[in-house]
PDB file of all heavy atoms in Angstrom:
ATOM      1  N   GLU A   1      20.075  -1.790  -7.491  1.00  0.00           N
ATOM      2  CA  GLU A   1      19.003  -2.197  -6.591  1.00  0.00           C
ATOM      3  C   GLU A   1      18.800  -1.217  -5.439  1.00  0.00           C
ATOM      4  O   GLU A   1      17.733  -1.162  -4.840  1.00  0.00           O
ATOM      5  CB  GLU A   1      19.252  -3.607  -6.038  1.00  0.00           C
ATOM      6  CG  GLU A   1      20.548  -3.783  -5.291  1.00  0.00           C
ATOM      7  CD  GLU A   1      21.621  -4.447  -6.142  1.00  0.00           C
ATOM      8  OE1 GLU A   1      21.582  -4.284  -7.366  1.00  0.00           O
ATOM      9  OE2 GLU A   1      22.489  -5.118  -5.557  1.00  0.00           O
ATOM     10  N   PHE A   2      19.827  -0.422  -5.108  1.00  0.00           N
ATOM     11  CA  PHE A   2      19.655   0.609  -4.084  1.00  0.00           C
ATOM     12  C   PHE A   2      18.650   1.658  -4.551  1.00  0.00           C
ATOM     13  O   PHE A   2      17.820   2.134  -3.778  1.00  0.00           O
ATOM     14  CB  PHE A   2      20.997   1.281  -3.778  1.00  0.00           C
ATOM     15  CG  PHE A   2      21.842   0.535  -2.790  1.00  0.00           C
ATOM     16  CD1 PHE A   2      22.749  -0.413  -3.210  1.00  0.00           C
ATOM     17  CD2 PHE A   2      21.732   0.771  -1.436  1.00  0.00           C
ATOM     18  CE1 PHE A   2      23.525  -1.112  -2.316  1.00  0.00           C
ATOM     19  CE2 PHE A   2      22.504   0.081  -0.515  1.00  0.00           C
ATOM     20  CZ  PHE A   2      23.402  -0.868  -0.962  1.00  0.00           C
ATOM     21  N   LEU A   3      18.748   2.041  -5.827  1.00  0.00           N
ATOM     22  CA  LEU A   3      17.830   3.043  -6.374  1.00  0.00           C
ATOM     23  C   LEU A   3      16.425   2.462  -6.522  1.00  0.00           C
ATOM     24  O   LEU A   3      15.429   3.168  -6.326  1.00  0.00           O
ATOM     25  CB  LEU A   3      18.357   3.534  -7.720  1.00  0.00           C
ATOM     26  CG  LEU A   3      19.788   4.104  -7.691  1.00  0.00           C
ATOM     27  CD1 LEU A   3      20.219   4.538  -9.079  1.00  0.00           C
ATOM     28  CD2 LEU A   3      19.877   5.269  -6.715  1.00  0.00           C
ATOM     29  N   VAL A   4      16.342   1.165  -6.879  1.00  0.00           N
ATOM     30  CA  VAL A   4      15.028   0.512  -6.974  1.00  0.00           C
ATOM     31  C   VAL A   4      14.354   0.500  -5.605  1.00  0.00           C
ATOM     32  O   VAL A   4      13.156   0.785  -5.484  1.00  0.00           O
ATOM     33  CB  VAL A   4      15.171  -0.918  -7.527  1.00  0.00           C
ATOM     34  CG1 VAL A   4      13.840  -1.659  -7.450  1.00  0.00           C
ATOM     35  CG2 VAL A   4      15.672  -0.890  -8.962  1.00  0.00           C
ATOM     36  N   MET A   5      15.125   0.187  -4.557  1.00  0.00           N
ATOM     37  CA  MET A   5      14.563   0.167  -3.211  1.00  0.00           C
ATOM     38  C   MET A   5      14.133   1.569  -2.781  1.00  0.00           C
ATOM     39  O   MET A   5      13.097   1.729  -2.110  1.00  0.00           O
ATOM     40  CB  MET A   5      15.577  -0.397  -2.213  1.00  0.00           C
ATOM     41  CG  MET A   5      15.076  -0.452  -0.772  1.00  0.00           C
ATOM     42  SD  MET A   5      13.573  -1.448  -0.579  1.00  0.00           S
ATOM     43  CE  MET A   5      14.256  -3.102  -0.811  1.00  0.00           C
ATOM     44  N   ALA A   6      14.886   2.583  -3.174  1.00  0.00           N
ATOM     45  CA  ALA A   6      14.507   3.956  -2.843  1.00  0.00           C
ATOM     46  C   ALA A   6      13.157   4.286  -3.466  1.00  0.00           C
ATOM     47  O   ALA A   6      12.289   4.900  -2.825  1.00  0.00           O
ATOM     48  CB  ALA A   6      15.575   4.931  -3.333  1.00  0.00           C
ATOM     49  N   THR A   7      12.958   3.870  -4.718  1.00  0.00           N
ATOM     50  CA  THR A   7      11.673   4.088  -5.388  1.00  0.00           C
ATOM     51  C   THR A   7      10.552   3.347  -4.679  1.00  0.00           C
ATOM     52  O   THR A   7       9.443   3.871  -4.497  1.00  0.00           O
ATOM     53  CB  THR A   7      11.760   3.632  -6.851  1.00  0.00           C
ATOM     54  OG1 THR A   7      12.831   4.311  -7.497  1.00  0.00           O
ATOM     55  CG2 THR A   7      10.473   3.909  -7.594  1.00  0.00           C
ATOM     56  N   THR A   8      10.834   2.111  -4.261  1.00  0.00           N
ATOM     57  CA  THR A   8       9.828   1.308  -3.547  1.00  0.00           C
ATOM     58  C   THR A   8       9.429   1.972  -2.238  1.00  0.00           C
ATOM     59  O   THR A   8       8.234   2.039  -1.895  1.00  0.00           O
ATOM     60  CB  THR A   8      10.374  -0.105  -3.271  1.00  0.00           C
ATOM     61  OG1 THR A   8      10.731  -0.725  -4.510  1.00  0.00           O
ATOM     62  CG2 THR A   8       9.350  -0.958  -2.549  1.00  0.00           C
ATOM     63  N   LEU A   9      10.398   2.482  -1.501  1.00  0.00           N
ATOM     64  CA  LEU A   9      10.103   3.144  -0.236  1.00  0.00           C
ATOM     65  C   LEU A   9       9.264   4.397  -0.456  1.00  0.00           C
ATOM     66  O   LEU A   9       8.328   4.668   0.312  1.00  0.00           O
ATOM     67  CB  LEU A   9      11.408   3.504   0.482  1.00  0.00           C
ATOM     68  CG  LEU A   9      12.208   2.340   1.066  1.00  0.00           C
ATOM     69  CD1 LEU A   9      13.553   2.822   1.587  1.00  0.00           C
ATOM     70  CD2 LEU A   9      11.445   1.643   2.180  1.00  0.00           C
ATOM     71  N   MET A  10       9.585   5.150  -1.484  1.00  0.00           N
ATOM     72  CA  MET A  10       8.809   6.356  -1.767  1.00  0.00           C
ATOM     73  C   MET A  10       7.366   6.004  -2.150  1.00  0.00           C
ATOM     74  O   MET A  10       6.419   6.704  -1.765  1.00  0.00           O
ATOM     75  CB  MET A  10       9.475   7.140  -2.897  1.00  0.00           C
ATOM     76  CG  MET A  10      10.855   7.689  -2.554  1.00  0.00           C
ATOM     77  SD  MET A  10      10.830   8.864  -1.180  1.00  0.00           S
ATOM     78  CE  MET A  10      10.001  10.250  -1.946  1.00  0.00           C
ATOM     79  N   MET A  11       7.207   4.907  -2.899  1.00  0.00           N
ATOM     80  CA  MET A  11       5.866   4.483  -3.288  1.00  0.00           C
ATOM     81  C   MET A  11       5.060   4.047  -2.062  1.00  0.00           C
ATOM     82  O   MET A  11       3.887   4.411  -1.908  1.00  0.00           O
ATOM     83  CB  MET A  11       5.947   3.335  -4.297  1.00  0.00           C
ATOM     84  CG  MET A  11       4.585   2.862  -4.808  1.00  0.00           C
ATOM     85  SD  MET A  11       4.719   1.405  -5.857  1.00  0.00           S
ATOM     86  CE  MET A  11       5.236   0.176  -4.652  1.00  0.00           C
ATOM     87  N   ILE A  12       5.689   3.261  -1.180  1.00  0.00           N
ATOM     88  CA  ILE A  12       5.001   2.828   0.035  1.00  0.00           C
ATOM     89  C   ILE A  12       4.640   4.035   0.899  1.00  0.00           C
ATOM     90  O   ILE A  12       3.537   4.123   1.453  1.00  0.00           O
ATOM     91  CB  ILE A  12       5.886   1.839   0.826  1.00  0.00           C
ATOM     92  CG1 ILE A  12       6.103   0.551   0.020  1.00  0.00           C
ATOM     93  CG2 ILE A  12       5.271   1.520   2.183  1.00  0.00           C
ATOM     94  CD1 ILE A  12       7.070  -0.407   0.662  1.00  0.00           C
ATOM     95  N   LYS A  13       5.569   4.971   0.999  1.00  0.00           N
ATOM     96  CA  LYS A  13       5.321   6.177   1.792  1.00  0.00           C
ATOM     97  C   LYS A  13       4.115   6.948   1.251  1.00  0.00           C
ATOM     98  O   LYS A  13       3.254   7.403   2.025  1.00  0.00           O
ATOM     99  CB  LYS A  13       6.564   7.064   1.775  1.00  0.00           C
ATOM    100  CG  LYS A  13       6.411   8.366   2.534  1.00  0.00           C
ATOM    101  CD  LYS A  13       7.665   9.202   2.423  1.00  0.00           C
ATOM    102  CE  LYS A  13       7.461  10.572   3.062  1.00  0.00           C
ATOM    103  NZ  LYS A  13       8.670  11.425   2.918  1.00  0.00           N
ATOM    104  N   SER A  14       4.033   7.079  -0.073  1.00  0.00           N
ATOM    105  CA  SER A  14       2.910   7.811  -0.673  1.00  0.00           C
ATOM    106  C   SER A  14       1.593   7.074  -0.457  1.00  0.00           C
ATOM    107  O   SER A  14       0.550   7.688  -0.204  1.00  0.00           O
ATOM    108  CB  SER A  14       3.158   8.022  -2.168  1.00  0.00           C
ATOM    109  OG  SER A  14       3.221   6.787  -2.855  1.00  0.00           O
ATOM    110  N   ARG A  15       1.606   5.742  -0.523  1.00  0.00           N
ATOM    111  CA  ARG A  15       0.390   4.964  -0.308  1.00  0.00           C
ATOM    112  C   ARG A  15      -0.064   5.052   1.147  1.00  0.00           C
ATOM    113  O   ARG A  15      -1.273   5.015   1.431  1.00  0.00           O
ATOM    114  CB  ARG A  15       0.613   3.504  -0.698  1.00  0.00           C
ATOM    115  CG  ARG A  15       0.800   3.282  -2.196  1.00  0.00           C
ATOM    116  CD  ARG A  15       0.798   1.812  -2.530  1.00  0.00           C
ATOM    117  NE  ARG A  15      -0.484   1.202  -2.211  1.00  0.00           N
ATOM    118  CZ  ARG A  15      -0.713  -0.111  -2.212  1.00  0.00           C
ATOM    119  NH1 ARG A  15       0.273  -0.948  -2.506  1.00  0.00           N
ATOM    120  NH2 ARG A  15      -1.902  -0.592  -1.908  1.00  0.00           N
ATOM    121  N   MET A  16       0.893   5.158   2.065  1.00  0.00           N
ATOM    122  CA  MET A  16       0.533   5.281   3.480  1.00  0.00           C
ATOM    123  C   MET A  16      -0.152   6.616   3.767  1.00  0.00           C
ATOM    124  O   MET A  16      -0.901   6.744   4.737  1.00  0.00           O
ATOM    125  CB  MET A  16       1.788   5.152   4.358  1.00  0.00           C
ATOM    126  CG  MET A  16       2.424   3.774   4.345  1.00  0.00           C
ATOM    127  SD  MET A  16       1.444   2.515   5.192  1.00  0.00           S
ATOM    128  CE  MET A  16       1.533   3.070   6.883  1.00  0.00           C
ATOM    129  N   LEU A  17       0.104   7.614   2.914  1.00  0.00           N
ATOM    130  CA  LEU A  17      -0.492   8.931   3.114  1.00  0.00           C
ATOM    131  C   LEU A  17      -1.908   9.022   2.566  1.00  0.00           C
ATOM    132  O   LEU A  17      -2.640   9.961   2.876  1.00  0.00           O
ATOM    133  CB  LEU A  17       0.376  10.007   2.452  1.00  0.00           C
ATOM    134  CG  LEU A  17       1.780  10.193   3.053  1.00  0.00           C
ATOM    135  CD1 LEU A  17       2.574  11.179   2.223  1.00  0.00           C
ATOM    136  CD2 LEU A  17       1.692  10.648   4.503  1.00  0.00           C
ATOM    137  N   LEU A  18      -2.289   8.046   1.727  1.00  0.00           N
ATOM    138  CA  LEU A  18      -3.629   8.072   1.145  1.00  0.00           C
ATOM    139  C   LEU A  18      -4.688   7.727   2.195  1.00  0.00           C
ATOM    140  O   LEU A  18      -4.417   6.961   3.127  1.00  0.00           O
ATOM    141  CB  LEU A  18      -3.722   7.076  -0.009  1.00  0.00           C
ATOM    142  CG  LEU A  18      -2.902   7.393  -1.268  1.00  0.00           C
ATOM    143  CD1 LEU A  18      -2.995   6.232  -2.244  1.00  0.00           C
ATOM    144  CD2 LEU A  18      -3.387   8.676  -1.912  1.00  0.00           C
ATOM    145  N   PRO A  19      -5.906   8.249   2.051  1.00  0.00           N
ATOM    146  CA  PRO A  19      -6.996   7.835   2.946  1.00  0.00           C
ATOM    147  C   PRO A  19      -7.256   6.338   2.803  1.00  0.00           C
ATOM    148  O   PRO A  19      -7.046   5.762   1.733  1.00  0.00           O
ATOM    149  CB  PRO A  19      -8.195   8.651   2.450  1.00  0.00           C
ATOM    150  CG  PRO A  19      -7.608   9.776   1.672  1.00  0.00           C
ATOM    151  CD  PRO A  19      -6.323   9.270   1.089  1.00  0.00           C
ATOM    152  N   VAL A  20      -7.705   5.725   3.882  1.00  0.00           N
ATOM    153  CA  VAL A  20      -7.937   4.280   3.869  1.00  0.00           C
ATOM    154  C   VAL A  20      -8.909   3.885   2.769  1.00  0.00           C
ATOM    155  O   VAL A  20      -8.730   2.878   2.084  1.00  0.00           O
ATOM    156  CB  VAL A  20      -8.474   3.813   5.243  1.00  0.00           C
ATOM    157  CG1 VAL A  20      -8.856   2.339   5.188  1.00  0.00           C
ATOM    158  CG2 VAL A  20      -7.440   4.061   6.322  1.00  0.00           C
ATOM    159  N   ILE A  21      -9.941   4.696   2.540  1.00  0.00           N
ATOM    160  CA  ILE A  21     -10.940   4.343   1.539  1.00  0.00           C
ATOM    161  C   ILE A  21     -10.349   4.314   0.140  1.00  0.00           C
ATOM    162  O   ILE A  21     -10.804   3.577  -0.732  1.00  0.00           O
ATOM    163  CB  ILE A  21     -12.131   5.324   1.603  1.00  0.00           C
ATOM    164  CG1 ILE A  21     -13.292   4.803   0.767  1.00  0.00           C
ATOM    165  CG2 ILE A  21     -11.708   6.721   1.132  1.00  0.00           C
ATOM    166  CD1 ILE A  21     -14.570   5.614   0.939  1.00  0.00           C
ATOM    167  N   ALA A  22      -9.303   5.108  -0.090  1.00  0.00           N
ATOM    168  CA  ALA A  22      -8.685   5.158  -1.410  1.00  0.00           C
ATOM    169  C   ALA A  22      -7.781   3.963  -1.659  1.00  0.00           C
ATOM    170  O   ALA A  22      -7.374   3.712  -2.789  1.00  0.00           O
ATOM    171  CB  ALA A  22      -7.886   6.452  -1.560  1.00  0.00           C
ATOM    172  N   ARG A  23      -7.455   3.199  -0.623  1.00  0.00           N
ATOM    173  CA  ARG A  23      -6.562   2.054  -0.783  1.00  0.00           C
ATOM    174  C   ARG A  23      -7.319   0.778  -1.140  1.00  0.00           C
ATOM    175  O   ARG A  23      -6.719  -0.235  -1.448  1.00  0.00           O
ATOM    176  CB  ARG A  23      -5.763   1.831   0.511  1.00  0.00           C
ATOM    177  CG  ARG A  23      -4.950   3.039   0.954  1.00  0.00           C
ATOM    178  CD  ARG A  23      -4.245   2.735   2.262  1.00  0.00           C
ATOM    179  NE  ARG A  23      -3.785   3.964   2.910  1.00  0.00           N
ATOM    180  CZ  ARG A  23      -3.294   4.002   4.139  1.00  0.00           C
ATOM    181  NH1 ARG A  23      -3.214   2.899   4.849  1.00  0.00           N
ATOM    182  NH2 ARG A  23      -2.906   5.142   4.671  1.00  0.00           N
ATOM    183  N   ARG A  24      -8.643   0.820  -1.029  1.00  0.00           N
ATOM    184  CA  ARG A  24      -9.413  -0.376  -1.345  1.00  0.00           C
ATOM    185  C   ARG A  24      -9.510  -0.539  -2.850  1.00  0.00           C
ATOM    186  O   ARG A  24      -9.397   0.409  -3.619  1.00  0.00           O
ATOM    187  CB  ARG A  24     -10.818  -0.273  -0.759  1.00  0.00           C
ATOM    188  CG  ARG A  24     -10.857  -0.120   0.746  1.00  0.00           C
ATOM    189  CD  ARG A  24     -12.263  -0.406   1.248  1.00  0.00           C
ATOM    190  NE  ARG A  24     -12.354  -0.088   2.664  1.00  0.00           N
ATOM    191  CZ  ARG A  24     -12.879   1.022   3.146  1.00  0.00           C
ATOM    192  NH1 ARG A  24     -13.341   1.926   2.321  1.00  0.00           N
ATOM    193  NH2 ARG A  24     -12.937   1.238   4.443  1.00  0.00           N
ATOM    194  N   GLY A  25      -9.719  -1.746  -3.282  1.00  0.00           N
ATOM    195  CA  GLY A  25      -9.886  -2.007  -4.701  1.00  0.00           C
ATOM    196  C   GLY A  25     -11.219  -1.485  -5.201  1.00  0.00           C
ATOM    197  O   GLY A  25     -12.146  -1.230  -4.422  1.00  0.00           O
ATOM    198  N   GLU A  26     -11.317  -1.318  -6.493  1.00  0.00           N
ATOM    199  CA  GLU A  26     -12.555  -0.805  -7.078  1.00  0.00           C
ATOM    200  C   GLU A  26     -13.686  -1.822  -6.889  1.00  0.00           C
ATOM    201  O   GLU A  26     -13.505  -3.022  -7.060  1.00  0.00           O
ATOM    202  CB  GLU A  26     -12.348  -0.524  -8.567  1.00  0.00           C
ATOM    203  CG  GLU A  26     -11.361   0.601  -8.832  1.00  0.00           C
ATOM    204  CD  GLU A  26     -11.255   0.902 -10.308  1.00  0.00           C
ATOM    205  OE1 GLU A  26     -12.025   0.287 -11.087  1.00  0.00           O
ATOM    206  OE2 GLU A  26     -10.405   1.717 -10.684  1.00  0.00           O
ATOM    207  N   GLY A  27     -14.880  -1.319  -6.550  1.00  0.00           N
ATOM    208  CA  GLY A  27     -16.042  -2.187  -6.424  1.00  0.00           C
ATOM    209  C   GLY A  27     -16.146  -2.905  -5.107  1.00  0.00           C
ATOM    210  O   GLY A  27     -17.067  -3.687  -4.897  1.00  0.00           O
ATOM    211  N   GLU A  28     -15.198  -2.680  -4.183  1.00  0.00           N
ATOM    212  CA  GLU A  28     -15.235  -3.362  -2.894  1.00  0.00           C
ATOM    213  C   GLU A  28     -16.084  -2.555  -1.909  1.00  0.00           C
ATOM    214  O   GLU A  28     -15.938  -1.334  -1.799  1.00  0.00           O
ATOM    215  CB  GLU A  28     -13.827  -3.541  -2.332  1.00  0.00           C
ATOM    216  CG  GLU A  28     -12.968  -4.520  -3.111  1.00  0.00           C
ATOM    217  CD  GLU A  28     -11.595  -4.671  -2.472  1.00  0.00           C
ATOM    218  OE1 GLU A  28     -11.115  -3.708  -1.869  1.00  0.00           O
ATOM    219  OE2 GLU A  28     -11.020  -5.757  -2.590  1.00  0.00           O
ATOM    220  N   ASP A  29     -16.949  -3.247  -1.203  1.00  0.00           N
ATOM    221  CA  ASP A  29     -17.751  -2.603  -0.180  1.00  0.00           C
ATOM    222  C   ASP A  29     -16.909  -2.365   1.060  1.00  0.00           C
ATOM    223  O   ASP A  29     -15.917  -3.058   1.315  1.00  0.00           O
ATOM    224  CB  ASP A  29     -18.958  -3.468   0.192  1.00  0.00           C
ATOM    225  CG  ASP A  29     -19.923  -3.605  -0.991  1.00  0.00           C
ATOM    226  OD1 ASP A  29     -19.966  -2.664  -1.817  1.00  0.00           O
ATOM    227  OD2 ASP A  29     -20.594  -4.655  -1.066  1.00  0.00           O
ATOM    228  N   GLU A  30     -17.356  -1.409   1.858  1.00  0.00           N
ATOM    229  CA  GLU A  30     -16.599  -1.073   3.057  1.00  0.00           C
ATOM    230  C   GLU A  30     -16.527  -2.247   4.017  1.00  0.00           C
ATOM    231  O   GLU A  30     -15.509  -2.476   4.664  1.00  0.00           O
ATOM    232  CB  GLU A  30     -17.248   0.128   3.742  1.00  0.00           C
ATOM    233  CG  GLU A  30     -16.484   0.613   4.970  1.00  0.00           C
ATOM    234  CD  GLU A  30     -17.091   1.855   5.562  1.00  0.00           C
ATOM    235  OE1 GLU A  30     -17.990   2.446   4.923  1.00  0.00           O
ATOM    236  OE2 GLU A  30     -16.675   2.225   6.682  1.00  0.00           O
ATOM    237  N   GLU A  31     -17.614  -3.041   4.099  1.00  0.00           N
ATOM    238  CA  GLU A  31     -17.623  -4.157   5.040  1.00  0.00           C
ATOM    239  C   GLU A  31     -16.826  -5.341   4.501  1.00  0.00           C
ATOM    240  O   GLU A  31     -16.220  -6.090   5.254  1.00  0.00           O
ATOM    241  CB  GLU A  31     -19.057  -4.582   5.329  1.00  0.00           C
ATOM    242  CG  GLU A  31     -19.882  -3.488   6.014  1.00  0.00           C
ATOM    243  CD  GLU A  31     -21.308  -3.957   6.274  1.00  0.00           C
ATOM    244  OE1 GLU A  31     -21.629  -5.088   5.849  1.00  0.00           O
ATOM    245  OE2 GLU A  31     -22.080  -3.211   6.889  1.00  0.00           O
ATOM    246  N   GLU A  32     -16.863  -5.550   3.174  1.00  0.00           N
ATOM    247  CA  GLU A  32     -16.193  -6.709   2.585  1.00  0.00           C
ATOM    248  C   GLU A  32     -14.713  -6.466   2.344  1.00  0.00           C
ATOM    249  O   GLU A  32     -13.920  -7.401   2.335  1.00  0.00           O
ATOM    250  CB  GLU A  32     -16.871  -7.085   1.261  1.00  0.00           C
ATOM    251  CG  GLU A  32     -18.330  -7.482   1.410  1.00  0.00           C
ATOM    252  CD  GLU A  32     -18.966  -7.754   0.073  1.00  0.00           C
ATOM    253  OE1 GLU A  32     -18.285  -7.524  -0.956  1.00  0.00           O
ATOM    254  OE2 GLU A  32     -20.129  -8.182   0.057  1.00  0.00           O
ATOM    255  N   ALA A  33     -14.368  -5.221   2.119  1.00  0.00           N
ATOM    256  CA  ALA A  33     -12.986  -4.924   1.764  1.00  0.00           C
ATOM    257  C   ALA A  33     -12.064  -5.158   2.959  1.00  0.00           C
ATOM    258  O   ALA A  33     -12.397  -4.865   4.097  1.00  0.00           O
ATOM    259  CB  ALA A  33     -12.869  -3.478   1.293  1.00  0.00           C
ATOM    260  N   GLU A  34     -10.914  -5.714   2.643  1.00  0.00           N
ATOM    261  CA  GLU A  34      -9.895  -5.929   3.671  1.00  0.00           C
ATOM    262  C   GLU A  34      -8.674  -5.102   3.304  1.00  0.00           C
ATOM    263  O   GLU A  34      -8.053  -5.306   2.269  1.00  0.00           O
ATOM    264  CB  GLU A  34      -9.518  -7.409   3.753  1.00  0.00           C
ATOM    265  CG  GLU A  34      -8.460  -7.691   4.809  1.00  0.00           C
ATOM    266  CD  GLU A  34      -8.075  -9.156   4.851  1.00  0.00           C
ATOM    267  OE1 GLU A  34      -8.709  -9.950   4.120  1.00  0.00           O
ATOM    268  OE2 GLU A  34      -7.137  -9.506   5.588  1.00  0.00           O
ATOM    269  N   TRP A  35      -8.390  -4.140   4.153  1.00  0.00           N
ATOM    270  CA  TRP A  35      -7.265  -3.259   3.853  1.00  0.00           C
ATOM    271  C   TRP A  35      -5.952  -4.018   3.977  1.00  0.00           C
ATOM    272  O   TRP A  35      -5.710  -4.712   4.958  1.00  0.00           O
ATOM    273  CB  TRP A  35      -7.275  -2.062   4.789  1.00  0.00           C
ATOM    274  CG  TRP A  35      -6.059  -1.194   4.612  1.00  0.00           C
ATOM    275  CD1 TRP A  35      -5.736  -0.462   3.526  1.00  0.00           C
ATOM    276  CD2 TRP A  35      -5.008  -0.999   5.553  1.00  0.00           C
ATOM    277  NE1 TRP A  35      -4.549   0.193   3.712  1.00  0.00           N
ATOM    278  CE2 TRP A  35      -4.075  -0.131   4.965  1.00  0.00           C
ATOM    279  CE3 TRP A  35      -4.770  -1.479   6.842  1.00  0.00           C
ATOM    280  CZ2 TRP A  35      -2.920   0.286   5.610  1.00  0.00           C
ATOM    281  CZ3 TRP A  35      -3.618  -1.074   7.484  1.00  0.00           C
ATOM    282  CH2 TRP A  35      -2.709  -0.192   6.871  1.00  0.00           C
ATOM    283  N   ILE A  36      -5.096  -3.886   2.973  1.00  0.00           N
ATOM    284  CA  ILE A  36      -3.784  -4.525   2.974  1.00  0.00           C
ATOM    285  C   ILE A  36      -2.735  -3.456   3.208  1.00  0.00           C
ATOM    286  O   ILE A  36      -2.641  -2.483   2.461  1.00  0.00           O
ATOM    287  CB  ILE A  36      -3.524  -5.249   1.641  1.00  0.00           C
ATOM    288  CG1 ILE A  36      -4.558  -6.337   1.411  1.00  0.00           C
ATOM    289  CG2 ILE A  36      -2.127  -5.846   1.633  1.00  0.00           C
ATOM    290  CD1 ILE A  36      -4.416  -7.053   0.089  1.00  0.00           C
ATOM    291  N   ASP A  37      -1.964  -3.645   4.247  1.00  0.00           N
ATOM    292  CA  ASP A  37      -0.918  -2.689   4.595  1.00  0.00           C
ATOM    293  C   ASP A  37       0.106  -2.628   3.456  1.00  0.00           C
ATOM    294  O   ASP A  37       0.667  -3.662   3.069  1.00  0.00           O
ATOM    295  CB  ASP A  37      -0.230  -3.132   5.892  1.00  0.00           C
ATOM    296  CG  ASP A  37       0.644  -2.043   6.477  1.00  0.00           C
ATOM    297  OD1 ASP A  37       1.255  -1.278   5.700  1.00  0.00           O
ATOM    298  OD2 ASP A  37       0.732  -1.953   7.714  1.00  0.00           O
ATOM    299  N   PRO A  38       0.398  -1.446   2.904  1.00  0.00           N
ATOM    300  CA  PRO A  38       1.368  -1.343   1.804  1.00  0.00           C
ATOM    301  C   PRO A  38       2.770  -1.803   2.187  1.00  0.00           C
ATOM    302  O   PRO A  38       3.584  -2.090   1.314  1.00  0.00           O
ATOM    303  CB  PRO A  38       1.366   0.165   1.474  1.00  0.00           C
ATOM    304  CG  PRO A  38       0.097   0.688   2.036  1.00  0.00           C
ATOM    305  CD  PRO A  38      -0.220  -0.155   3.225  1.00  0.00           C
ATOM    306  N   ARG A  39       3.042  -1.892   3.491  1.00  0.00           N
ATOM    307  CA  ARG A  39       4.378  -2.287   3.936  1.00  0.00           C
ATOM    308  C   ARG A  39       4.572  -3.796   3.989  1.00  0.00           C
ATOM    309  O   ARG A  39       5.712  -4.274   4.137  1.00  0.00           O
ATOM    310  CB  ARG A  39       4.641  -1.714   5.341  1.00  0.00           C
ATOM    311  CG  ARG A  39       4.573  -0.206   5.434  1.00  0.00           C
ATOM    312  CD  ARG A  39       4.593   0.267   6.867  1.00  0.00           C
ATOM    313  NE  ARG A  39       3.411  -0.188   7.601  1.00  0.00           N
ATOM    314  CZ  ARG A  39       3.182   0.055   8.876  1.00  0.00           C
ATOM    315  NH1 ARG A  39       4.051   0.766   9.570  1.00  0.00           N
ATOM    316  NH2 ARG A  39       2.085  -0.382   9.465  1.00  0.00           N
ATOM    317  N   MET A  40       3.478  -4.571   3.889  1.00  0.00           N
ATOM    318  CA  MET A  40       3.552  -5.999   4.143  1.00  0.00           C
ATOM    319  C   MET A  40       4.494  -6.746   3.191  1.00  0.00           C
ATOM    320  O   MET A  40       5.206  -7.647   3.596  1.00  0.00           O
ATOM    321  CB  MET A  40       2.157  -6.623   4.084  1.00  0.00           C
ATOM    322  CG  MET A  40       1.327  -6.420   5.334  1.00  0.00           C
ATOM    323  SD  MET A  40       2.125  -7.117   6.833  1.00  0.00           S
ATOM    324  CE  MET A  40       2.847  -5.638   7.567  1.00  0.00           C
ATOM    325  N   GLU A  41       4.508  -6.381   1.923  1.00  0.00           N
ATOM    326  CA  GLU A  41       5.393  -7.063   0.972  1.00  0.00           C
ATOM    327  C   GLU A  41       6.860  -6.792   1.320  1.00  0.00           C
ATOM    328  O   GLU A  41       7.702  -7.697   1.270  1.00  0.00           O
ATOM    329  CB  GLU A  41       5.093  -6.588  -0.457  1.00  0.00           C
ATOM    330  CG  GLU A  41       5.997  -7.191  -1.534  1.00  0.00           C
ATOM    331  CD  GLU A  41       5.910  -8.713  -1.595  1.00  0.00           C
ATOM    332  OE1 GLU A  41       4.874  -9.273  -1.171  1.00  0.00           O
ATOM    333  OE2 GLU A  41       6.887  -9.343  -2.050  1.00  0.00           O
ATOM    334  N   LEU A  42       7.152  -5.560   1.704  1.00  0.00           N
ATOM    335  CA  LEU A  42       8.517  -5.236   2.120  1.00  0.00           C
ATOM    336  C   LEU A  42       8.884  -5.976   3.404  1.00  0.00           C
ATOM    337  O   LEU A  42      10.001  -6.498   3.537  1.00  0.00           O
ATOM    338  CB  LEU A  42       8.657  -3.727   2.327  1.00  0.00           C
ATOM    339  CG  LEU A  42      10.022  -3.231   2.803  1.00  0.00           C
ATOM    340  CD1 LEU A  42      11.110  -3.580   1.797  1.00  0.00           C
ATOM    341  CD2 LEU A  42       9.984  -1.729   3.067  1.00  0.00           C
ATOM    342  N   VAL A  43       7.952  -6.042   4.356  1.00  0.00           N
ATOM    343  CA  VAL A  43       8.199  -6.767   5.603  1.00  0.00           C
ATOM    344  C   VAL A  43       8.468  -8.239   5.318  1.00  0.00           C
ATOM    345  O   VAL A  43       9.374  -8.844   5.896  1.00  0.00           O
ATOM    346  CB  VAL A  43       6.998  -6.614   6.561  1.00  0.00           C
ATOM    347  CG1 VAL A  43       7.115  -7.582   7.739  1.00  0.00           C
ATOM    348  CG2 VAL A  43       6.901  -5.185   7.064  1.00  0.00           C
ATOM    349  N   ARG A  44       7.686  -8.819   4.397  1.00  0.00           N
ATOM    350  CA  ARG A  44       7.890 -10.230   4.041  1.00  0.00           C
ATOM    351  C   ARG A  44       9.291 -10.452   3.480  1.00  0.00           C
ATOM    352  O   ARG A  44       9.974 -11.408   3.837  1.00  0.00           O
ATOM    353  CB  ARG A  44       6.844 -10.663   3.017  1.00  0.00           C
ATOM    354  CG  ARG A  44       6.885 -12.149   2.673  1.00  0.00           C
ATOM    355  CD  ARG A  44       6.046 -12.456   1.466  1.00  0.00           C
ATOM    356  NE  ARG A  44       6.540 -11.773   0.273  1.00  0.00           N
ATOM    357  CZ  ARG A  44       7.600 -12.210  -0.417  1.00  0.00           C
ATOM    358  NH1 ARG A  44       8.261 -13.291  -0.046  1.00  0.00           N
ATOM    359  NH2 ARG A  44       7.988 -11.541  -1.485  1.00  0.00           N
ATOM    360  N   GLN A  45       9.732  -9.555   2.600  1.00  0.00           N
ATOM    361  CA  GLN A  45      11.069  -9.671   2.021  1.00  0.00           C
ATOM    362  C   GLN A  45      12.149  -9.545   3.097  1.00  0.00           C
ATOM    363  O   GLN A  45      13.126 -10.299   3.093  1.00  0.00           O
ATOM    364  CB  GLN A  45      11.272  -8.594   0.959  1.00  0.00           C
ATOM    365  CG  GLN A  45      10.413  -8.750  -0.278  1.00  0.00           C
ATOM    366  CD  GLN A  45      10.690  -7.650  -1.282  1.00  0.00           C
ATOM    367  OE1 GLN A  45      11.822  -7.234  -1.488  1.00  0.00           O
ATOM    368  NE2 GLN A  45       9.639  -7.147  -1.905  1.00  0.00           N
TER     369      GLN A  45
END
């Protein structure tokens, strides 16, 4: 699970580097889309 968490952190780190527009789901308008922080699931855990 230490290695799994390392992979998760690297994935979150890479998503944080993406432009905000690239994090929205496909077909979502700029006004309707709600950006979800990639860290939130980890914070919840």
